[in-house]
C-alpha atoms as a PDB file:
ATOM      1  CA  MET A   1      51.804   4.249  61.181  1.00  0.00           C
ATOM      2  CA  ASP A   2      49.161   2.763  58.653  1.00  0.00           C
ATOM      3  CA  TYR A   3      50.290  -0.615  57.608  1.00  0.00           C
ATOM      4  CA  ASN A   4      48.804  -0.693  54.417  1.00  0.00           C
ATOM      5  CA  GLY A   5      50.095   2.725  53.496  1.00  0.00           C
ATOM      6  CA  SER A   6      52.817   3.827  51.462  1.00  0.00           C
ATOM      7  CA  GLY A   7      55.155   4.696  54.382  1.00  0.00           C
ATOM      8  CA  PHE A   8      55.037   1.000  55.572  1.00  0.00           C
ATOM      9  CA  MET A   9      55.380  -0.234  52.136  1.00  0.00           C
ATOM     10  CA  TYR A  10      58.617   1.956  51.527  1.00  0.00           C
ATOM     11  CA  LEU A  11      60.196   0.368  54.759  1.00  0.00           C
ATOM     12  CA  THR A  12      59.509  -2.850  53.673  1.00  0.00           C
ATOM     13  CA  HIS A  13      61.368  -2.525  50.661  1.00  0.00           C
ATOM     14  CA  LYS A  14      63.867  -0.356  51.996  1.00  0.00           C
ATOM     15  CA  PHE A  15      64.644  -2.937  54.869  1.00  0.00           C
ATOM     16  CA  PRO A  16      63.768  -6.347  53.123  1.00  0.00           C
ATOM     17  CA  ARG A  17      65.408  -8.675  55.217  1.00  0.00           C
ATOM     18  CA  MET A  18      63.324  -7.307  58.166  1.00  0.00           C
ATOM     19  CA  SER A  19      60.223  -8.867  59.279  1.00  0.00           C
ATOM     20  CA  ASP A  20      56.991  -6.909  59.083  1.00  0.00           C
ATOM     21  CA  ALA A  21      56.661  -7.574  62.781  1.00  0.00           C
ATOM     22  CA  LYS A  22      59.725  -5.581  63.617  1.00  0.00           C
ATOM     23  CA  ILE A  23      58.854  -2.959  61.433  1.00  0.00           C
ATOM     24  CA  LYS A  24      55.117  -2.652  62.852  1.00  0.00           C
ATOM     25  CA  ASP A  25      57.053  -2.855  66.325  1.00  0.00           C
ATOM     26  CA  ARG A  26      59.436   0.004  65.189  1.00  0.00           C
ATOM     27  CA  VAL A  27      62.421  -2.281  66.031  1.00  0.00           C
ATOM     28  CA  PHE A  28      65.042  -0.334  64.320  1.00  0.00           C
ATOM     29  CA  LEU A  29      68.929  -0.522  65.208  1.00  0.00           C
ATOM     30  CA  GLY A  30      71.116   2.667  65.184  1.00  0.00           C
ATOM     31  CA  PRO A  31      72.323   2.537  61.497  1.00  0.00           C
ATOM     32  CA  GLN A  32      68.635   1.903  60.371  1.00  0.00           C
ATOM     33  CA  ILE A  33      67.649   4.783  61.965  1.00  0.00           C
ATOM     34  CA  ARG A  34      70.719   6.862  60.726  1.00  0.00           C
ATOM     35  CA  GLU A  35      69.647   5.705  57.218  1.00  0.00           C
ATOM     36  CA  LEU A  36      66.155   6.929  57.295  1.00  0.00           C
ATOM     37  CA  LYS A  37      67.076   9.849  58.965  1.00  0.00           C
ATOM     38  CA  GLN A  38      69.110  11.009  55.590  1.00  0.00           C
ATOM     39  CA  ASP A  39      66.607   9.355  53.580  1.00  0.00           C
ATOM     40  CA  VAL A  40      64.481  12.234  51.798  1.00  0.00           C
ATOM     41  CA  LYS A  41      62.594   9.686  49.673  1.00  0.00           C
ATOM     42  CA  PHE A  42      61.056   8.355  53.037  1.00  0.00           C
ATOM     43  CA  GLU A  43      59.259  11.608  54.042  1.00  0.00           C
ATOM     44  CA  ASP A  44      57.426  11.497  50.661  1.00  0.00           C
ATOM     45  CA  HIS A  45      55.819   8.188  51.396  1.00  0.00           C
ATOM     46  CA  VAL A  46      54.332   9.339  54.932  1.00  0.00           C
ATOM     47  CA  SER A  47      51.309  11.282  56.070  1.00  0.00           C
ATOM     48  CA  GLU A  48      51.613  14.813  57.599  1.00  0.00           C
ATOM     49  CA  VAL A  49      51.274  13.567  61.186  1.00  0.00           C
ATOM     50  CA  GLU A  50      54.240  10.878  60.470  1.00  0.00           C
ATOM     51  CA  LYS A  51      56.150  13.735  58.909  1.00  0.00           C
ATOM     52  CA  SER A  52      55.729  15.678  62.132  1.00  0.00           C
ATOM     53  CA  SER A  53      57.117  12.750  64.142  1.00  0.00           C
ATOM     54  CA  VAL A  54      59.711  12.201  61.995  1.00  0.00           C
ATOM     55  CA  GLU A  55      61.081  15.861  62.713  1.00  0.00           C
ATOM     56  CA  ILE A  56      60.536  15.385  66.501  1.00  0.00           C
ATOM     57  CA  ILE A  57      62.825  12.227  66.351  1.00  0.00           C
ATOM     58  CA  LYS A  58      65.367  14.165  64.245  1.00  0.00           C
ATOM     59  CA  ILE A  59      65.330  16.965  66.769  1.00  0.00           C
ATOM     60  CA  CYS A  60      65.635  14.774  69.879  1.00  0.00           C
ATOM     61  CA  HIS A  61      68.414  13.101  68.335  1.00  0.00           C
ATOM     62  CA  TYR A  62      70.395  16.367  67.293  1.00  0.00           C
ATOM     63  CA  LYS A  63      69.795  17.702  71.057  1.00  0.00           C
ATOM     64  CA  PHE A  64      71.044  14.423  72.695  1.00  0.00           C
ATOM     65  CA  PHE A  65      73.732  13.459  70.713  1.00  0.00           C
ATOM     66  CA  GLY A  66      74.881  17.117  69.035  1.00  0.00           C
ATOM     67  CA  LYS A  67      77.148  17.362  66.216  1.00  0.00           C
ATOM     68  CA  SER A  68      79.147  14.287  67.327  1.00  0.00           C
ATOM     69  CA  ARG A  69      77.005  11.770  65.517  1.00  0.00           C
ATOM     70  CA  GLY A  70      76.978  13.877  62.227  1.00  0.00           C
ATOM     71  CA  THR A  71      73.120  14.349  62.899  1.00  0.00           C
ATOM     72  CA  LYS A  72      71.790  17.027  60.315  1.00  0.00           C
ATOM     73  CA  LEU A  73      68.714  18.921  60.811  1.00  0.00           C
ATOM     74  CA  SER A  74      66.802  19.325  57.474  1.00  0.00           C
END
């Protein structure tokens, strides 16, 4: 992720209590991951390559947890 890009800036505003180091190292907990998966604005702030990565994460999460975690594919 581009640390000067709008996606990184969006994450720092969305999770103000997280340090930049944790965001850069992509250290997110379950509730934060679920919140990002449901946030449609987040995908507006990332590049096309990052969008495809987000979609892959959603698919893997869905295949691993299935419907038991309330995961929705967009």
